[in-house]
Amino acid sequence: MEINSVGKVKAIPNFYATIASPFSGRLLRVFMKLGMKVSAGMPLFELSSPEFIEIQQRFFSTKAQLKKANLDLKRQTDLFKNDCLQLKIWKK
């Protein structure tokens, strides 16, 4: 599985850069060697991060809850519009 993430590359004189990931983790592989030119979108390294996995799991769980809430709202709204639901129940 490939996951793209945003990080910051801070330019330093003499064509060197400091690279920081937005989350902590263990460096598994480095795709670049000292002195290689890089361009936007090129992978620089592979990172293993339990913190990222936890955030990703929370994101997908919250996304599923939002989808269910939207479906419930749509159903309740349809029932109310068709006079199948009382106003006080619909506003809950």
PDB file of N, CA and C in Angstrom:
ATOM      1  N   MET A   1       0.845  -1.171   0.000  1.00  0.00           N
ATOM      2  CA  MET A   1       0.000   0.000   0.000  1.00  0.00           C
ATOM      3  C   MET A   1       0.891   1.235   0.000  1.00  0.00           C
ATOM      4  N   GLU A   2       0.570   2.201  -0.845  1.00  0.00           N
ATOM      5  CA  GLU A   2       1.352   3.431  -0.926  1.00  0.00           C
ATOM      6  C   GLU A   2       0.515   4.569  -0.384  1.00  0.00           C
ATOM      7  N   ILE A   3       1.099   5.346   0.531  1.00  0.00           N
ATOM      8  CA  ILE A   3       0.418   6.497   1.103  1.00  0.00           C
ATOM      9  C   ILE A   3       1.295   7.711   0.888  1.00  0.00           C
ATOM     10  N   ASN A   4       0.720   8.741   0.299  1.00  0.00           N
ATOM     11  CA  ASN A   4       1.443   9.985   0.097  1.00  0.00           C
ATOM     12  C   ASN A   4       1.132  10.924   1.245  1.00  0.00           C
ATOM     13  N   SER A   5       2.119  11.659   1.679  1.00  0.00           N
ATOM     14  CA  SER A   5       1.951  12.591   2.774  1.00  0.00           C
ATOM     15  C   SER A   5       2.690  13.873   2.459  1.00  0.00           C
ATOM     16  N   VAL A   6       2.325  14.907   3.152  1.00  0.00           N
ATOM     17  CA  VAL A   6       2.965  16.196   2.959  1.00  0.00           C
ATOM     18  C   VAL A   6       3.971  16.400   4.084  1.00  0.00           C
ATOM     19  N   GLY A   7       5.115  16.900   3.750  1.00  0.00           N
ATOM     20  CA  GLY A   7       6.127  17.231   4.731  1.00  0.00           C
ATOM     21  C   GLY A   7       6.723  18.573   4.368  1.00  0.00           C
ATOM     22  N   LYS A   8       7.719  18.992   5.066  1.00  0.00           N
ATOM     23  CA  LYS A   8       8.374  20.271   4.781  1.00  0.00           C
ATOM     24  C   LYS A   8       9.828  20.028   4.427  1.00  0.00           C
ATOM     25  N   VAL A   9      10.269  20.687   3.373  1.00  0.00           N
ATOM     26  CA  VAL A   9      11.679  20.665   3.004  1.00  0.00           C
ATOM     27  C   VAL A   9      12.176  22.093   3.155  1.00  0.00           C
ATOM     28  N   LYS A  10      13.143  22.275   4.020  1.00  0.00           N
ATOM     29  CA  LYS A  10      13.663  23.603   4.292  1.00  0.00           C
ATOM     30  C   LYS A  10      15.014  23.738   3.592  1.00  0.00           C
ATOM     31  N   ALA A  11      15.078  24.660   2.638  1.00  0.00           N
ATOM     32  CA  ALA A  11      16.313  24.858   1.874  1.00  0.00           C
ATOM     33  C   ALA A  11      17.387  25.525   2.736  1.00  0.00           C
ATOM     34  N   ILE A  12      18.592  25.019   2.595  1.00  0.00           N
ATOM     35  CA  ILE A  12      19.750  25.552   3.294  1.00  0.00           C
ATOM     36  C   ILE A  12      20.806  25.856   2.223  1.00  0.00           C
ATOM     37  N   PRO A  13      21.624  26.876   2.412  1.00  0.00           N
ATOM     38  CA  PRO A  13      22.651  27.176   1.397  1.00  0.00           C
ATOM     39  C   PRO A  13      23.496  25.947   1.042  1.00  0.00           C
ATOM     40  N   ASN A  14      24.111  25.955  -0.120  1.00  0.00           N
ATOM     41  CA  ASN A  14      24.948  24.876  -0.649  1.00  0.00           C
ATOM     42  C   ASN A  14      24.123  23.679  -1.123  1.00  0.00           C
ATOM     43  N   PHE A  15      22.866  23.905  -1.482  1.00  0.00           N
ATOM     44  CA  PHE A  15      21.995  22.890  -2.067  1.00  0.00           C
ATOM     45  C   PHE A  15      21.683  21.722  -1.129  1.00  0.00           C
ATOM     46  N   TYR A  16      21.686  21.935   0.139  1.00  0.00           N
ATOM     47  CA  TYR A  16      21.283  20.924   1.110  1.00  0.00           C
ATOM     48  C   TYR A  16      19.910  21.290   1.650  1.00  0.00           C
ATOM     49  N   ALA A  17      19.196  20.328   2.149  1.00  0.00           N
ATOM     50  CA  ALA A  17      17.868  20.586   2.695  1.00  0.00           C
ATOM     51  C   ALA A  17      17.629  19.743   3.939  1.00  0.00           C
ATOM     52  N   THR A  18      16.888  20.296   4.870  1.00  0.00           N
ATOM     53  CA  THR A  18      16.447  19.569   6.048  1.00  0.00           C
ATOM     54  C   THR A  18      15.024  19.097   5.775  1.00  0.00           C
ATOM     55  N   ILE A  19      14.759  17.838   6.016  1.00  0.00           N
ATOM     56  CA  ILE A  19      13.448  17.259   5.722  1.00  0.00           C
ATOM     57  C   ILE A  19      12.794  16.827   7.016  1.00  0.00           C
ATOM     58  N   ALA A  20      11.516  17.210   7.182  1.00  0.00           N
ATOM     59  CA  ALA A  20      10.774  16.840   8.387  1.00  0.00           C
ATOM     60  C   ALA A  20       9.418  16.261   7.996  1.00  0.00           C
ATOM     61  N   SER A  21       9.102  15.120   8.556  1.00  0.00           N
ATOM     62  CA  SER A  21       7.808  14.484   8.330  1.00  0.00           C
ATOM     63  C   SER A  21       6.801  15.080   9.304  1.00  0.00           C
ATOM     64  N   PRO A  22       5.520  15.151   8.915  1.00  0.00           N
ATOM     65  CA  PRO A  22       4.519  15.709   9.827  1.00  0.00           C
ATOM     66  C   PRO A  22       4.166  14.785  10.998  1.00  0.00           C
ATOM     67  N   PHE A  23       4.694  13.569  11.015  1.00  0.00           N
ATOM     68  CA  PHE A  23       4.454  12.649  12.122  1.00  0.00           C
ATOM     69  C   PHE A  23       5.709  11.824  12.361  1.00  0.00           C
ATOM     70  N   SER A  24       5.812  11.271  13.567  1.00  0.00           N
ATOM     71  CA  SER A  24       6.996  10.491  13.923  1.00  0.00           C
ATOM     72  C   SER A  24       6.909   9.087  13.349  1.00  0.00           C
ATOM     73  N   GLY A  25       8.048   8.425  13.261  1.00  0.00           N
ATOM     74  CA  GLY A  25       8.050   7.060  12.755  1.00  0.00           C
ATOM     75  C   GLY A  25       9.467   6.545  12.572  1.00  0.00           C
ATOM     76  N   ARG A  26       9.554   5.334  12.044  1.00  0.00           N
ATOM     77  CA  ARG A  26      10.838   4.688  11.811  1.00  0.00           C
ATOM     78  C   ARG A  26      11.128   4.712  10.317  1.00  0.00           C
ATOM     79  N   LEU A  27      12.315   5.136   9.967  1.00  0.00           N
ATOM     80  CA  LEU A  27      12.741   5.211   8.572  1.00  0.00           C
ATOM     81  C   LEU A  27      13.065   3.803   8.076  1.00  0.00           C
ATOM     82  N   LEU A  28      12.347   3.366   7.018  1.00  0.00           N
ATOM     83  CA  LEU A  28      12.564   2.023   6.488  1.00  0.00           C
ATOM     84  C   LEU A  28      13.511   2.025   5.284  1.00  0.00           C
ATOM     85  N   ARG A  29      13.299   2.960   4.371  1.00  0.00           N
ATOM     86  CA  ARG A  29      14.140   3.041   3.171  1.00  0.00           C
ATOM     87  C   ARG A  29      14.337   4.494   2.774  1.00  0.00           C
ATOM     88  N   VAL A  30      15.479   4.773   2.185  1.00  0.00           N
ATOM     89  CA  VAL A  30      15.759   6.086   1.621  1.00  0.00           C
ATOM     90  C   VAL A  30      15.944   5.888   0.118  1.00  0.00           C
ATOM     91  N   PHE A  31      15.195   6.652  -0.682  1.00  0.00           N
ATOM     92  CA  PHE A  31      15.235   6.489  -2.133  1.00  0.00           C
ATOM     93  C   PHE A  31      16.263   7.394  -2.807  1.00  0.00           C
ATOM     94  N   MET A  32      16.784   8.364  -2.097  1.00  0.00           N
ATOM     95  CA  MET A  32      17.736   9.318  -2.666  1.00  0.00           C
ATOM     96  C   MET A  32      19.119   9.112  -2.053  1.00  0.00           C
ATOM     97  N   LYS A  33      20.121   9.538  -2.799  1.00  0.00           N
ATOM     98  CA  LYS A  33      21.482   9.528  -2.282  1.00  0.00           C
ATOM     99  C   LYS A  33      21.982  10.961  -2.227  1.00  0.00           C
ATOM    100  N   LEU A  34      22.957  11.196  -1.403  1.00  0.00           N
ATOM    101  CA  LEU A  34      23.527  12.522  -1.226  1.00  0.00           C
ATOM    102  C   LEU A  34      23.934  13.099  -2.577  1.00  0.00           C
ATOM    103  N   GLY A  35      23.464  14.300  -2.860  1.00  0.00           N
ATOM    104  CA  GLY A  35      23.825  14.984  -4.093  1.00  0.00           C
ATOM    105  C   GLY A  35      22.847  14.782  -5.235  1.00  0.00           C
ATOM    106  N   MET A  36      21.893  13.858  -5.094  1.00  0.00           N
ATOM    107  CA  MET A  36      20.919  13.625  -6.166  1.00  0.00           C
ATOM    108  C   MET A  36      19.945  14.795  -6.247  1.00  0.00           C
ATOM    109  N   LYS A  37      19.553  15.135  -7.481  1.00  0.00           N
ATOM    110  CA  LYS A  37      18.552  16.180  -7.683  1.00  0.00           C
ATOM    111  C   LYS A  37      17.170  15.558  -7.541  1.00  0.00           C
ATOM    112  N   VAL A  38      16.273  16.296  -6.917  1.00  0.00           N
ATOM    113  CA  VAL A  38      14.904  15.841  -6.748  1.00  0.00           C
ATOM    114  C   VAL A  38      13.950  16.886  -7.302  1.00  0.00           C
ATOM    115  N   SER A  39      12.760  16.434  -7.628  1.00  0.00           N
ATOM    116  CA  SER A  39      11.721  17.363  -8.065  1.00  0.00           C
ATOM    117  C   SER A  39      10.440  17.049  -7.309  1.00  0.00           C
ATOM    118  N   ALA A  40       9.481  17.954  -7.408  1.00  0.00           N
ATOM    119  CA  ALA A  40       8.218  17.808  -6.683  1.00  0.00           C
ATOM    120  C   ALA A  40       7.550  16.477  -7.021  1.00  0.00           C
ATOM    121  N   GLY A  41       7.063  15.800  -5.999  1.00  0.00           N
ATOM    122  CA  GLY A  41       6.351  14.542  -6.191  1.00  0.00           C
ATOM    123  C   GLY A  41       7.207  13.299  -6.109  1.00  0.00           C
ATOM    124  N   MET A  42       8.517  13.451  -6.097  1.00  0.00           N
ATOM    125  CA  MET A  42       9.401  12.281  -6.005  1.00  0.00           C
ATOM    126  C   MET A  42       9.427  11.769  -4.567  1.00  0.00           C
ATOM    127  N   PRO A  43       9.278  10.450  -4.363  1.00  0.00           N
ATOM    128  CA  PRO A  43       9.389   9.924  -3.003  1.00  0.00           C
ATOM    129  C   PRO A  43      10.835  10.016  -2.522  1.00  0.00           C
ATOM    130  N   LEU A  44      10.990  10.460  -1.295  1.00  0.00           N
ATOM    131  CA  LEU A  44      12.332  10.603  -0.730  1.00  0.00           C
ATOM    132  C   LEU A  44      12.687   9.446   0.198  1.00  0.00           C
ATOM    133  N   PHE A  45      11.685   8.989   0.960  1.00  0.00           N
ATOM    134  CA  PHE A  45      11.928   7.919   1.916  1.00  0.00           C
ATOM    135  C   PHE A  45      10.637   7.200   2.234  1.00  0.00           C
ATOM    136  N   GLU A  46      10.771   6.020   2.851  1.00  0.00           N
ATOM    137  CA  GLU A  46       9.626   5.234   3.316  1.00  0.00           C
ATOM    138  C   GLU A  46       9.661   5.237   4.835  1.00  0.00           C
ATOM    139  N   LEU A  47       8.525   5.540   5.426  1.00  0.00           N
ATOM    140  CA  LEU A  47       8.441   5.709   6.864  1.00  0.00           C
ATOM    141  C   LEU A  47       7.367   4.780   7.429  1.00  0.00           C
ATOM    142  N   SER A  48       7.661   4.105   8.524  1.00  0.00           N
ATOM    143  CA  SER A  48       6.678   3.289   9.225  1.00  0.00           C
ATOM    144  C   SER A  48       6.270   4.047  10.480  1.00  0.00           C
ATOM    145  N   SER A  49       4.969   4.310  10.618  1.00  0.00           N
ATOM    146  CA  SER A  49       4.524   5.135  11.731  1.00  0.00           C
ATOM    147  C   SER A  49       3.243   4.610  12.372  1.00  0.00           C
ATOM    148  N   PRO A  50       3.324   4.068  13.595  1.00  0.00           N
ATOM    149  CA  PRO A  50       2.108   3.668  14.306  1.00  0.00           C
ATOM    150  C   PRO A  50       1.176   4.863  14.533  1.00  0.00           C
ATOM    151  N   GLU A  51       1.746   6.040  14.734  1.00  0.00           N
ATOM    152  CA  GLU A  51       0.956   7.261  14.934  1.00  0.00           C
ATOM    153  C   GLU A  51       0.094   7.545  13.702  1.00  0.00           C
ATOM    154  N   PHE A  52       0.687   7.403  12.510  1.00  0.00           N
ATOM    155  CA  PHE A  52      -0.045   7.654  11.269  1.00  0.00           C
ATOM    156  C   PHE A  52      -1.153   6.619  11.079  1.00  0.00           C
ATOM    157  N   ILE A  53      -0.857   5.361  11.389  1.00  0.00           N
ATOM    158  CA  ILE A  53      -1.854   4.302  11.234  1.00  0.00           C
ATOM    159  C   ILE A  53      -3.045   4.565  12.153  1.00  0.00           C
ATOM    160  N   GLU A  54      -2.783   4.996  13.371  1.00  0.00           N
ATOM    161  CA  GLU A  54      -3.860   5.306  14.316  1.00  0.00           C
ATOM    162  C   GLU A  54      -4.704   6.473  13.803  1.00  0.00           C
ATOM    163  N   ILE A  55      -4.072   7.513  13.301  1.00  0.00           N
ATOM    164  CA  ILE A  55      -4.788   8.671  12.761  1.00  0.00           C
ATOM    165  C   ILE A  55      -5.618   8.246  11.552  1.00  0.00           C
ATOM    166  N   GLN A  56      -5.047   7.401  10.709  1.00  0.00           N
ATOM    167  CA  GLN A  56      -5.756   6.926   9.522  1.00  0.00           C
ATOM    168  C   GLN A  56      -6.990   6.110   9.917  1.00  0.00           C
ATOM    169  N   GLN A  57      -6.855   5.251  10.923  1.00  0.00           N
ATOM    170  CA  GLN A  57      -7.988   4.450  11.386  1.00  0.00           C
ATOM    171  C   GLN A  57      -9.096   5.345  11.941  1.00  0.00           C
ATOM    172  N   ARG A  58      -8.720   6.365  12.717  1.00  0.00           N
ATOM    173  CA  ARG A  58      -9.716   7.300  13.247  1.00  0.00           C
ATOM    174  C   ARG A  58     -10.407   8.055  12.116  1.00  0.00           C
ATOM    175  N   PHE A  59      -9.635   8.444  11.089  1.00  0.00           N
ATOM    176  CA  PHE A  59     -10.200   9.151   9.944  1.00  0.00           C
ATOM    177  C   PHE A  59     -11.265   8.299   9.251  1.00  0.00           C
ATOM    178  N   PHE A  60     -10.934   7.035   8.944  1.00  0.00           N
ATOM    179  CA  PHE A  60     -11.875   6.176   8.244  1.00  0.00           C
ATOM    180  C   PHE A  60     -13.108   5.853   9.101  1.00  0.00           C
ATOM    181  N   SER A  61     -12.915   5.708  10.404  1.00  0.00           N
ATOM    182  CA  SER A  61     -14.037   5.464  11.310  1.00  0.00           C
ATOM    183  C   SER A  61     -14.964   6.681  11.336  1.00  0.00           C
ATOM    184  N   THR A  62     -14.400   7.861  11.439  1.00  0.00           N
ATOM    185  CA  THR A  62     -15.190   9.091  11.453  1.00  0.00           C
ATOM    186  C   THR A  62     -15.887   9.312  10.122  1.00  0.00           C
ATOM    187  N   LYS A  63     -15.199   8.988   9.042  1.00  0.00           N
ATOM    188  CA  LYS A  63     -15.794   9.117   7.708  1.00  0.00           C
ATOM    189  C   LYS A  63     -17.012   8.199   7.574  1.00  0.00           C
ATOM    190  N   ALA A  64     -16.921   6.979   8.084  1.00  0.00           N
ATOM    191  CA  ALA A  64     -18.042   6.035   8.039  1.00  0.00           C
ATOM    192  C   ALA A  64     -19.204   6.537   8.894  1.00  0.00           C
ATOM    193  N   GLN A  65     -18.902   7.113  10.054  1.00  0.00           N
ATOM    194  CA  GLN A  65     -19.951   7.654  10.918  1.00  0.00           C
ATOM    195  C   GLN A  65     -20.664   8.822  10.237  1.00  0.00           C
ATOM    196  N   LEU A  66     -19.900   9.664   9.552  1.00  0.00           N
ATOM    197  CA  LEU A  66     -20.488  10.793   8.832  1.00  0.00           C
ATOM    198  C   LEU A  66     -21.401  10.305   7.712  1.00  0.00           C
ATOM    199  N   LYS A  67     -20.959   9.289   6.989  1.00  0.00           N
ATOM    200  CA  LYS A  67     -21.778   8.735   5.902  1.00  0.00           C
ATOM    201  C   LYS A  67     -23.098   8.196   6.458  1.00  0.00           C
ATOM    202  N   LYS A  68     -23.026   7.468   7.578  1.00  0.00           N
ATOM    203  CA  LYS A  68     -24.240   6.924   8.196  1.00  0.00           C
ATOM    204  C   LYS A  68     -25.156   8.051   8.668  1.00  0.00           C
ATOM    205  N   ALA A  69     -24.589   9.087   9.278  1.00  0.00           N
ATOM    206  CA  ALA A  69     -25.397  10.205   9.760  1.00  0.00           C
ATOM    207  C   ALA A  69     -26.087  10.920   8.594  1.00  0.00           C
ATOM    208  N   ASN A  70     -25.388  11.085   7.477  1.00  0.00           N
ATOM    209  CA  ASN A  70     -25.991  11.714   6.301  1.00  0.00           C
ATOM    210  C   ASN A  70     -27.124  10.860   5.734  1.00  0.00           C
ATOM    211  N   LEU A  71     -26.939   9.544   5.699  1.00  0.00           N
ATOM    212  CA  LEU A  71     -28.002   8.647   5.227  1.00  0.00           C
ATOM    213  C   LEU A  71     -29.212   8.691   6.158  1.00  0.00           C
ATOM    214  N   ASP A  72     -28.957   8.716   7.472  1.00  0.00           N
ATOM    215  CA  ASP A  72     -30.053   8.804   8.445  1.00  0.00           C
ATOM    216  C   ASP A  72     -30.813  10.123   8.276  1.00  0.00           C
ATOM    217  N   LEU A  73     -30.075  11.217   8.093  1.00  0.00           N
ATOM    218  CA  LEU A  73     -30.709  12.521   7.900  1.00  0.00           C
ATOM    219  C   LEU A  73     -31.559  12.530   6.637  1.00  0.00           C
ATOM    220  N   LYS A  74     -31.031  11.974   5.563  1.00  0.00           N
ATOM    221  CA  LYS A  74     -31.780  11.916   4.300  1.00  0.00           C
ATOM    222  C   LYS A  74     -33.054  11.107   4.483  1.00  0.00           C
ATOM    223  N   ARG A  75     -32.956   9.973   5.155  1.00  0.00           N
ATOM    224  CA  ARG A  75     -34.133   9.119   5.389  1.00  0.00           C
ATOM    225  C   ARG A  75     -35.161   9.851   6.236  1.00  0.00           C
ATOM    226  N   GLN A  76     -34.730  10.478   7.327  1.00  0.00           N
ATOM    227  CA  GLN A  76     -35.647  11.206   8.204  1.00  0.00           C
ATOM    228  C   GLN A  76     -36.306  12.374   7.457  1.00  0.00           C
ATOM    229  N   THR A  77     -35.531  13.072   6.640  1.00  0.00           N
ATOM    230  CA  THR A  77     -36.066  14.190   5.860  1.00  0.00           C
ATOM    231  C   THR A  77     -37.110  13.706   4.865  1.00  0.00           C
ATOM    232  N   ASP A  78     -36.818  12.599   4.187  1.00  0.00           N
ATOM    233  CA  ASP A  78     -37.789  12.029   3.236  1.00  0.00           C
ATOM    234  C   ASP A  78     -39.074  11.615   3.953  1.00  0.00           C
ATOM    235  N   LEU A  79     -38.942  10.986   5.119  1.00  0.00           N
ATOM    236  CA  LEU A  79     -40.111  10.580   5.887  1.00  0.00           C
ATOM    237  C   LEU A  79     -40.932  11.795   6.303  1.00  0.00           C
ATOM    238  N   PHE A  80     -40.253  12.860   6.751  1.00  0.00           N
ATOM    239  CA  PHE A  80     -40.951  14.067   7.178  1.00  0.00           C
ATOM    240  C   PHE A  80     -41.672  14.728   6.006  1.00  0.00           C
ATOM    241  N   LYS A  81     -40.998  14.821   4.853  1.00  0.00           N
ATOM    242  CA  LYS A  81     -41.613  15.447   3.669  1.00  0.00           C
ATOM    243  C   LYS A  81     -42.842  14.690   3.195  1.00  0.00           C
ATOM    244  N   ASN A  82     -42.880  13.393   3.421  1.00  0.00           N
ATOM    245  CA  ASN A  82     -44.005  12.565   3.002  1.00  0.00           C
ATOM    246  C   ASN A  82     -45.015  12.338   4.130  1.00  0.00           C
ATOM    247  N   ASP A  83     -44.941  13.203   5.155  1.00  0.00           N
ATOM    248  CA  ASP A  83     -45.865  13.152   6.298  1.00  0.00           C
ATOM    249  C   ASP A  83     -45.863  11.809   7.020  1.00  0.00           C
ATOM    250  N   CYS A  84     -44.733  11.170   7.067  1.00  0.00           N
ATOM    251  CA  CYS A  84     -44.615   9.890   7.777  1.00  0.00           C
ATOM    252  C   CYS A  84     -43.898  10.053   9.115  1.00  0.00           C
ATOM    253  N   LEU A  85     -43.537  11.286   9.443  1.00  0.00           N
ATOM    254  CA  LEU A  85     -42.736  11.517  10.646  1.00  0.00           C
ATOM    255  C   LEU A  85     -43.172  12.824  11.286  1.00  0.00           C
ATOM    256  N   GLN A  86     -43.278  12.852  12.582  1.00  0.00           N
ATOM    257  CA  GLN A  86     -43.668  14.060  13.302  1.00  0.00           C
ATOM    258  C   GLN A  86     -42.484  15.028  13.366  1.00  0.00           C
ATOM    259  N   LEU A  87     -42.781  16.327  13.408  1.00  0.00           N
ATOM    260  CA  LEU A  87     -41.750  17.357  13.451  1.00  0.00           C
ATOM    261  C   LEU A  87     -40.828  17.203  14.657  1.00  0.00           C
ATOM    262  N   LYS A  88     -41.361  16.887  15.828  1.00  0.00           N
ATOM    263  CA  LYS A  88     -40.539  16.778  17.027  1.00  0.00           C
ATOM    264  C   LYS A  88     -39.539  15.616  16.915  1.00  0.00           C
ATOM    265  N   ILE A  89     -39.900  14.539  16.238  1.00  0.00           N
ATOM    266  CA  ILE A  89     -38.981  13.418  16.045  1.00  0.00           C
ATOM    267  C   ILE A  89     -37.913  13.792  15.010  1.00  0.00           C
ATOM    268  N   TRP A  90     -38.314  14.493  13.962  1.00  0.00           N
ATOM    269  CA  TRP A  90     -37.401  14.884  12.886  1.00  0.00           C
ATOM    270  C   TRP A  90     -36.319  15.837  13.383  1.00  0.00           C
ATOM    271  N   LYS A  91     -36.647  16.712  14.345  1.00  0.00           N
ATOM    272  CA  LYS A  91     -35.680  17.699  14.840  1.00  0.00           C
ATOM    273  C   LYS A  91     -34.666  17.109  15.807  1.00  0.00           C
ATOM    274  N   LYS A  92     -34.799  15.869  16.236  1.00  0.00           N
ATOM    275  CA  LYS A  92     -33.862  15.265  17.193  1.00  0.00           C
ATOM    276  C   LYS A  92     -32.493  15.154  16.641  1.00  0.00           C
TER     277      LYS A  92
END
